[in-house]
């Protein structure tokens, strides 16, 4: 699987989470709370829906591994960290007036950008080495 296709998938997945949250009964007046929740839920649901194991099997950085062996505490800590990264990147992207108006596209860009950034920084390789068996 090519990491660009992975990044597009992650961007779409992130956008879907944003849409579900924005149409839920919660009324998010604080964009930073929404950014944090989308990042947190994205990572947490990746574990719940076995996307981490799928990434271990087929991800560009992890080919030929079988499954993710993340513990629940690791997943929560990583999810908190990802929520914080969403706030930071969202803060930077909110400078653009276009992205202020088109939040779905902003969340797509955040998911896509973070996935590519993690690939370029080698964080996915660390994940494969530490979490995939």
N, C-alpha and C. Protein backbone atom coordinates (compact mmCIF):
# COMPACT_ATOMS: atom_id res chain seq x y z
N UNK A 1 0.84 -1.18 0.00
CA UNK A 1 0.00 0.00 0.00
C UNK A 1 0.89 1.24 0.00
N UNK A 2 0.64 2.15 -0.86
CA UNK A 2 1.42 3.37 -0.96
C UNK A 2 1.01 4.35 0.13
N UNK A 3 1.98 5.02 0.75
CA UNK A 3 1.64 5.89 1.87
C UNK A 3 0.81 7.10 1.45
N UNK A 4 0.83 7.49 0.18
CA UNK A 4 -0.05 8.58 -0.28
C UNK A 4 -1.50 8.11 -0.24
N UNK A 5 -1.75 6.88 -0.70
CA UNK A 5 -3.11 6.34 -0.62
C UNK A 5 -3.54 6.17 0.84
N UNK A 6 -2.60 5.74 1.68
CA UNK A 6 -2.90 5.63 3.11
C UNK A 6 -3.27 6.99 3.67
N UNK A 7 -2.54 8.01 3.28
CA UNK A 7 -2.79 9.37 3.78
C UNK A 7 -4.16 9.87 3.32
N UNK A 8 -4.53 9.59 2.09
CA UNK A 8 -5.85 9.99 1.58
C UNK A 8 -6.94 9.27 2.37
N UNK A 9 -6.74 7.98 2.62
CA UNK A 9 -7.71 7.23 3.42
C UNK A 9 -7.84 7.84 4.81
N UNK A 10 -6.72 8.17 5.45
CA UNK A 10 -6.74 8.76 6.79
C UNK A 10 -7.44 10.12 6.75
N UNK A 11 -7.20 10.89 5.71
CA UNK A 11 -7.88 12.17 5.57
C UNK A 11 -9.39 12.00 5.46
N UNK A 12 -9.83 11.03 4.67
CA UNK A 12 -11.26 10.75 4.53
C UNK A 12 -11.86 10.24 5.84
N UNK A 13 -11.15 9.36 6.49
CA UNK A 13 -11.56 8.80 7.78
C UNK A 13 -11.70 9.93 8.81
N UNK A 14 -10.76 10.84 8.83
CA UNK A 14 -10.80 11.99 9.74
C UNK A 14 -12.00 12.87 9.42
N UNK A 15 -12.26 13.10 8.15
CA UNK A 15 -13.40 13.93 7.74
C UNK A 15 -14.72 13.30 8.17
N UNK A 16 -14.83 12.00 8.03
CA UNK A 16 -16.06 11.31 8.45
C UNK A 16 -16.28 11.47 9.95
N UNK A 17 -15.23 11.35 10.73
CA UNK A 17 -15.36 11.53 12.18
C UNK A 17 -15.81 12.96 12.48
N UNK A 18 -15.22 13.94 11.80
CA UNK A 18 -15.64 15.33 11.98
C UNK A 18 -17.12 15.51 11.65
N UNK A 19 -17.56 14.96 10.52
CA UNK A 19 -18.96 15.11 10.10
C UNK A 19 -19.90 14.47 11.12
N UNK A 20 -19.56 13.28 11.58
CA UNK A 20 -20.41 12.61 12.57
C UNK A 20 -20.50 13.44 13.85
N UNK A 21 -19.35 13.95 14.31
CA UNK A 21 -19.36 14.76 15.53
C UNK A 21 -20.10 16.09 15.34
N UNK A 22 -19.95 16.69 14.17
CA UNK A 22 -20.58 17.99 13.96
C UNK A 22 -22.10 17.88 13.79
N UNK A 23 -22.58 16.71 13.39
CA UNK A 23 -24.02 16.50 13.26
C UNK A 23 -24.61 15.78 14.47
N UNK A 24 -23.79 15.57 15.47
CA UNK A 24 -24.29 14.91 16.68
C UNK A 24 -25.04 15.91 17.53
N UNK A 25 -25.53 15.47 18.66
CA UNK A 25 -26.28 16.35 19.54
C UNK A 25 -25.37 17.32 20.30
N UNK A 26 -24.06 17.15 20.19
CA UNK A 26 -23.14 18.10 20.81
C UNK A 26 -23.05 19.35 19.93
N UNK A 27 -23.00 20.49 20.55
CA UNK A 27 -22.83 21.74 19.82
C UNK A 27 -21.46 22.29 20.19
N UNK A 28 -20.48 22.07 19.32
CA UNK A 28 -19.11 22.47 19.61
C UNK A 28 -18.90 23.94 19.26
N UNK A 29 -18.94 24.77 20.26
CA UNK A 29 -18.66 26.19 20.06
C UNK A 29 -17.15 26.45 20.09
N UNK A 30 -16.41 25.56 20.71
CA UNK A 30 -14.97 25.69 20.82
C UNK A 30 -14.30 24.79 19.78
N UNK A 31 -13.73 25.38 18.76
CA UNK A 31 -13.11 24.61 17.67
C UNK A 31 -11.96 23.76 18.17
N UNK A 32 -11.27 24.21 19.21
CA UNK A 32 -10.12 23.46 19.71
C UNK A 32 -10.55 22.19 20.43
N UNK A 33 -11.71 22.23 21.08
CA UNK A 33 -12.26 21.01 21.68
C UNK A 33 -12.63 20.02 20.58
N UNK A 34 -13.22 20.52 19.52
CA UNK A 34 -13.57 19.67 18.39
C UNK A 34 -12.33 19.08 17.74
N UNK A 35 -11.30 19.89 17.56
CA UNK A 35 -10.04 19.38 16.99
C UNK A 35 -9.48 18.25 17.86
N UNK A 36 -9.45 18.48 19.17
CA UNK A 36 -8.92 17.47 20.07
C UNK A 36 -9.75 16.18 19.99
N UNK A 37 -11.08 16.32 20.05
CA UNK A 37 -11.93 15.13 20.03
C UNK A 37 -11.79 14.34 18.73
N UNK A 38 -11.72 15.02 17.61
CA UNK A 38 -11.57 14.31 16.33
C UNK A 38 -10.24 13.55 16.31
N UNK A 39 -9.15 14.18 16.74
CA UNK A 39 -7.85 13.50 16.77
C UNK A 39 -7.86 12.32 17.73
N UNK A 40 -8.42 12.53 18.91
CA UNK A 40 -8.48 11.47 19.92
C UNK A 40 -9.32 10.29 19.42
N UNK A 41 -10.51 10.59 18.92
CA UNK A 41 -11.41 9.53 18.45
C UNK A 41 -10.83 8.83 17.24
N UNK A 42 -10.20 9.58 16.35
CA UNK A 42 -9.59 8.96 15.16
C UNK A 42 -8.60 7.88 15.56
N UNK A 43 -7.73 8.21 16.49
CA UNK A 43 -6.72 7.23 16.90
C UNK A 43 -7.36 6.09 17.70
N UNK A 44 -8.25 6.41 18.63
CA UNK A 44 -8.89 5.39 19.45
C UNK A 44 -9.71 4.43 18.60
N UNK A 45 -10.51 4.96 17.67
CA UNK A 45 -11.31 4.09 16.81
C UNK A 45 -10.44 3.28 15.85
N UNK A 46 -9.28 3.81 15.50
CA UNK A 46 -8.34 3.02 14.69
C UNK A 46 -7.97 1.73 15.39
N UNK A 47 -7.82 1.81 16.69
CA UNK A 47 -7.53 0.61 17.50
C UNK A 47 -8.78 -0.26 17.62
N UNK A 48 -9.92 0.35 17.94
CA UNK A 48 -11.16 -0.41 18.13
C UNK A 48 -11.57 -1.13 16.85
N UNK A 49 -11.45 -0.46 15.71
CA UNK A 49 -11.84 -1.04 14.42
C UNK A 49 -10.74 -1.88 13.79
N UNK A 50 -9.65 -2.13 14.51
CA UNK A 50 -8.52 -2.95 14.05
C UNK A 50 -7.78 -2.35 12.86
N UNK A 51 -7.85 -1.04 12.69
CA UNK A 51 -7.08 -0.40 11.62
C UNK A 51 -5.59 -0.49 11.91
N UNK A 52 -5.21 -0.50 13.19
CA UNK A 52 -3.80 -0.63 13.55
C UNK A 52 -3.26 -1.99 13.10
N UNK A 53 -4.05 -3.05 13.31
CA UNK A 53 -3.62 -4.39 12.86
C UNK A 53 -3.56 -4.45 11.34
N UNK A 54 -4.53 -3.80 10.68
CA UNK A 54 -4.52 -3.75 9.22
C UNK A 54 -3.26 -3.04 8.74
N UNK A 55 -2.89 -1.95 9.43
CA UNK A 55 -1.69 -1.22 9.06
C UNK A 55 -0.45 -2.09 9.28
N UNK A 56 -0.44 -2.88 10.35
CA UNK A 56 0.70 -3.78 10.58
C UNK A 56 0.86 -4.77 9.44
N UNK A 57 -0.25 -5.26 8.91
CA UNK A 57 -0.20 -6.26 7.83
C UNK A 57 0.14 -5.64 6.48
N UNK A 58 -0.48 -4.49 6.18
CA UNK A 58 -0.41 -3.97 4.82
C UNK A 58 0.17 -2.56 4.70
N UNK A 59 0.45 -1.91 5.79
CA UNK A 59 0.94 -0.54 5.75
C UNK A 59 2.30 -0.44 5.08
N UNK A 60 2.56 0.69 4.49
CA UNK A 60 3.81 0.91 3.77
C UNK A 60 5.03 0.69 4.66
N UNK A 61 4.94 1.06 5.93
CA UNK A 61 6.08 0.94 6.84
C UNK A 61 6.18 -0.43 7.52
N UNK A 62 5.11 -1.23 7.48
CA UNK A 62 5.06 -2.45 8.31
C UNK A 62 4.86 -3.74 7.54
N UNK A 63 5.08 -3.77 6.28
CA UNK A 63 4.73 -4.95 5.49
C UNK A 63 5.29 -6.22 6.13
N UNK A 64 4.44 -7.25 6.12
CA UNK A 64 4.76 -8.60 6.60
C UNK A 64 4.69 -8.76 8.12
N UNK A 65 4.15 -7.81 8.83
CA UNK A 65 3.85 -8.01 10.24
C UNK A 65 2.43 -8.54 10.29
N UNK A 66 2.02 -9.07 11.43
CA UNK A 66 0.70 -9.69 11.45
C UNK A 66 -0.36 -8.90 12.20
N UNK A 67 -0.04 -8.36 13.36
CA UNK A 67 -1.07 -7.70 14.15
C UNK A 67 -0.45 -6.67 15.08
N UNK A 68 -1.28 -5.78 15.57
CA UNK A 68 -0.83 -4.77 16.52
C UNK A 68 -0.95 -5.33 17.94
N UNK A 69 0.07 -5.09 18.74
CA UNK A 69 0.03 -5.56 20.13
C UNK A 69 0.00 -4.39 21.10
N UNK A 70 -0.70 -3.33 20.73
CA UNK A 70 -0.80 -2.15 21.59
C UNK A 70 -1.65 -2.48 22.82
N UNK A 71 -1.23 -1.96 23.96
CA UNK A 71 -2.03 -2.11 25.16
C UNK A 71 -3.02 -0.95 25.22
N UNK A 72 -4.04 -1.10 26.05
CA UNK A 72 -5.06 -0.06 26.16
C UNK A 72 -4.46 1.27 26.62
N UNK A 73 -3.54 1.22 27.57
CA UNK A 73 -2.93 2.45 28.08
C UNK A 73 -2.10 3.13 26.99
N UNK A 74 -1.40 2.34 26.17
CA UNK A 74 -0.65 2.91 25.04
C UNK A 74 -1.58 3.62 24.07
N UNK A 75 -2.71 2.99 23.79
CA UNK A 75 -3.67 3.56 22.84
C UNK A 75 -4.23 4.88 23.38
N UNK A 76 -4.56 4.92 24.68
CA UNK A 76 -5.10 6.15 25.26
C UNK A 76 -4.05 7.26 25.24
N UNK A 77 -2.81 6.94 25.60
CA UNK A 77 -1.74 7.95 25.58
C UNK A 77 -1.50 8.45 24.17
N UNK A 78 -1.42 7.54 23.21
CA UNK A 78 -1.23 7.93 21.81
C UNK A 78 -2.41 8.76 21.30
N UNK A 79 -3.63 8.41 21.73
CA UNK A 79 -4.82 9.15 21.32
C UNK A 79 -4.80 10.57 21.90
N UNK A 80 -4.38 10.71 23.15
CA UNK A 80 -4.24 12.04 23.75
C UNK A 80 -3.22 12.87 22.98
N UNK A 81 -2.10 12.24 22.65
CA UNK A 81 -1.05 12.92 21.89
C UNK A 81 -1.58 13.35 20.52
N UNK A 82 -2.33 12.47 19.87
CA UNK A 82 -2.85 12.81 18.54
C UNK A 82 -3.88 13.94 18.64
N UNK A 83 -4.69 13.94 19.69
CA UNK A 83 -5.63 15.04 19.90
C UNK A 83 -4.91 16.37 20.04
N UNK A 84 -3.80 16.37 20.75
CA UNK A 84 -3.00 17.59 20.92
C UNK A 84 -2.40 18.02 19.58
N UNK A 85 -1.92 17.06 18.80
CA UNK A 85 -1.38 17.40 17.48
C UNK A 85 -2.45 18.00 16.58
N UNK A 86 -3.68 17.51 16.69
CA UNK A 86 -4.77 18.07 15.90
C UNK A 86 -5.01 19.53 16.29
N UNK A 87 -4.93 19.84 17.58
CA UNK A 87 -5.10 21.22 18.03
C UNK A 87 -4.00 22.11 17.42
N UNK A 88 -2.76 21.64 17.50
CA UNK A 88 -1.63 22.44 17.00
C UNK A 88 -1.76 22.67 15.49
N UNK A 89 -1.97 21.61 14.74
CA UNK A 89 -2.07 21.77 13.28
C UNK A 89 -3.33 22.55 12.90
N UNK A 90 -4.43 22.31 13.60
CA UNK A 90 -5.65 23.05 13.34
C UNK A 90 -5.48 24.53 13.60
N UNK A 91 -4.77 24.88 14.66
CA UNK A 91 -4.48 26.27 14.97
C UNK A 91 -3.73 26.93 13.81
N UNK A 92 -2.75 26.22 13.27
CA UNK A 92 -1.98 26.76 12.16
C UNK A 92 -2.83 26.89 10.89
N UNK A 93 -3.70 25.91 10.66
CA UNK A 93 -4.53 25.94 9.44
C UNK A 93 -5.67 26.94 9.53
N UNK A 94 -6.11 27.26 10.73
CA UNK A 94 -7.22 28.19 10.88
C UNK A 94 -6.85 29.62 10.50
N UNK A 95 -5.58 29.85 10.24
CA UNK A 95 -5.15 31.16 9.75
C UNK A 95 -5.78 31.43 8.38
N UNK A 96 -5.97 30.37 7.60
CA UNK A 96 -6.57 30.50 6.27
C UNK A 96 -8.07 30.76 6.40
N UNK A 97 -8.54 31.81 5.77
CA UNK A 97 -9.98 32.12 5.84
C UNK A 97 -10.80 31.05 5.10
N UNK A 98 -10.22 30.43 4.06
CA UNK A 98 -10.93 29.38 3.34
C UNK A 98 -11.18 28.18 4.26
N UNK A 99 -10.19 27.79 5.03
CA UNK A 99 -10.34 26.64 5.90
C UNK A 99 -11.22 26.95 7.10
N UNK A 100 -11.32 28.22 7.49
CA UNK A 100 -12.25 28.59 8.55
C UNK A 100 -13.69 28.34 8.10
N UNK A 101 -13.95 28.54 6.82
CA UNK A 101 -15.30 28.35 6.28
C UNK A 101 -15.56 26.90 5.89
N UNK A 102 -14.54 26.17 5.50
CA UNK A 102 -14.70 24.79 5.03
C UNK A 102 -13.98 23.85 6.00
N UNK A 103 -14.60 23.61 7.12
CA UNK A 103 -13.96 22.82 8.17
C UNK A 103 -13.76 21.35 7.77
N UNK A 104 -14.69 20.81 6.97
CA UNK A 104 -14.53 19.41 6.54
C UNK A 104 -13.22 19.25 5.77
N UNK A 105 -12.93 20.19 4.89
CA UNK A 105 -11.68 20.14 4.13
C UNK A 105 -10.48 20.33 5.06
N UNK A 106 -10.62 21.18 6.08
CA UNK A 106 -9.54 21.38 7.04
C UNK A 106 -9.22 20.07 7.77
N UNK A 107 -10.26 19.34 8.19
CA UNK A 107 -10.01 18.08 8.89
C UNK A 107 -9.40 17.05 7.96
N UNK A 108 -9.81 17.04 6.69
CA UNK A 108 -9.18 16.17 5.71
C UNK A 108 -7.68 16.50 5.62
N UNK A 109 -7.37 17.78 5.51
CA UNK A 109 -5.97 18.22 5.40
C UNK A 109 -5.16 17.84 6.64
N UNK A 110 -5.76 17.94 7.81
CA UNK A 110 -5.05 17.57 9.04
C UNK A 110 -4.73 16.09 9.04
N UNK A 111 -5.73 15.24 8.75
CA UNK A 111 -5.50 13.79 8.73
C UNK A 111 -4.45 13.40 7.69
N UNK A 112 -4.57 13.95 6.50
CA UNK A 112 -3.63 13.67 5.42
C UNK A 112 -2.23 14.14 5.80
N UNK A 113 -2.12 15.38 6.28
CA UNK A 113 -0.81 15.96 6.61
C UNK A 113 -0.11 15.21 7.73
N UNK A 114 -0.85 14.88 8.77
CA UNK A 114 -0.21 14.17 9.88
C UNK A 114 0.27 12.78 9.46
N UNK A 115 -0.52 12.11 8.62
CA UNK A 115 -0.08 10.78 8.16
C UNK A 115 1.21 10.89 7.36
N UNK A 116 1.27 11.83 6.44
CA UNK A 116 2.48 12.02 5.63
C UNK A 116 3.65 12.46 6.52
N UNK A 117 3.38 13.37 7.44
CA UNK A 117 4.43 13.83 8.35
C UNK A 117 4.97 12.68 9.20
N UNK A 118 4.09 11.84 9.72
CA UNK A 118 4.53 10.68 10.51
C UNK A 118 5.38 9.73 9.67
N UNK A 119 5.01 9.59 8.40
CA UNK A 119 5.79 8.72 7.50
C UNK A 119 7.18 9.32 7.28
N UNK A 120 7.24 10.61 6.99
CA UNK A 120 8.51 11.27 6.70
C UNK A 120 9.43 11.33 7.93
N UNK A 121 8.85 11.48 9.10
CA UNK A 121 9.65 11.54 10.34
C UNK A 121 10.03 10.16 10.88
N UNK A 122 9.50 9.11 10.27
CA UNK A 122 9.83 7.75 10.71
C UNK A 122 9.01 7.27 11.89
N UNK A 123 7.97 7.99 12.26
CA UNK A 123 7.15 7.58 13.39
C UNK A 123 6.40 6.29 13.07
N UNK A 124 5.99 6.10 11.83
CA UNK A 124 5.34 4.85 11.46
C UNK A 124 6.31 3.67 11.57
N UNK A 125 7.57 3.88 11.24
CA UNK A 125 8.55 2.81 11.40
C UNK A 125 8.72 2.44 12.87
N UNK A 126 8.72 3.44 13.75
CA UNK A 126 8.79 3.18 15.19
C UNK A 126 7.56 2.40 15.64
N UNK A 127 6.37 2.80 15.16
CA UNK A 127 5.14 2.09 15.48
C UNK A 127 5.26 0.62 15.06
N UNK A 128 5.76 0.40 13.86
CA UNK A 128 5.89 -0.98 13.37
C UNK A 128 6.85 -1.78 14.22
N UNK A 129 7.96 -1.18 14.58
CA UNK A 129 8.97 -1.88 15.37
C UNK A 129 8.47 -2.16 16.78
N UNK A 130 7.74 -1.21 17.38
CA UNK A 130 7.32 -1.33 18.77
C UNK A 130 5.98 -2.01 18.95
N UNK A 131 5.06 -1.85 17.99
CA UNK A 131 3.68 -2.31 18.21
C UNK A 131 3.25 -3.50 17.34
N UNK A 132 3.93 -3.72 16.24
CA UNK A 132 3.52 -4.82 15.35
C UNK A 132 4.38 -6.05 15.62
N UNK A 133 3.73 -7.19 15.62
CA UNK A 133 4.48 -8.43 15.84
C UNK A 133 4.30 -9.37 14.66
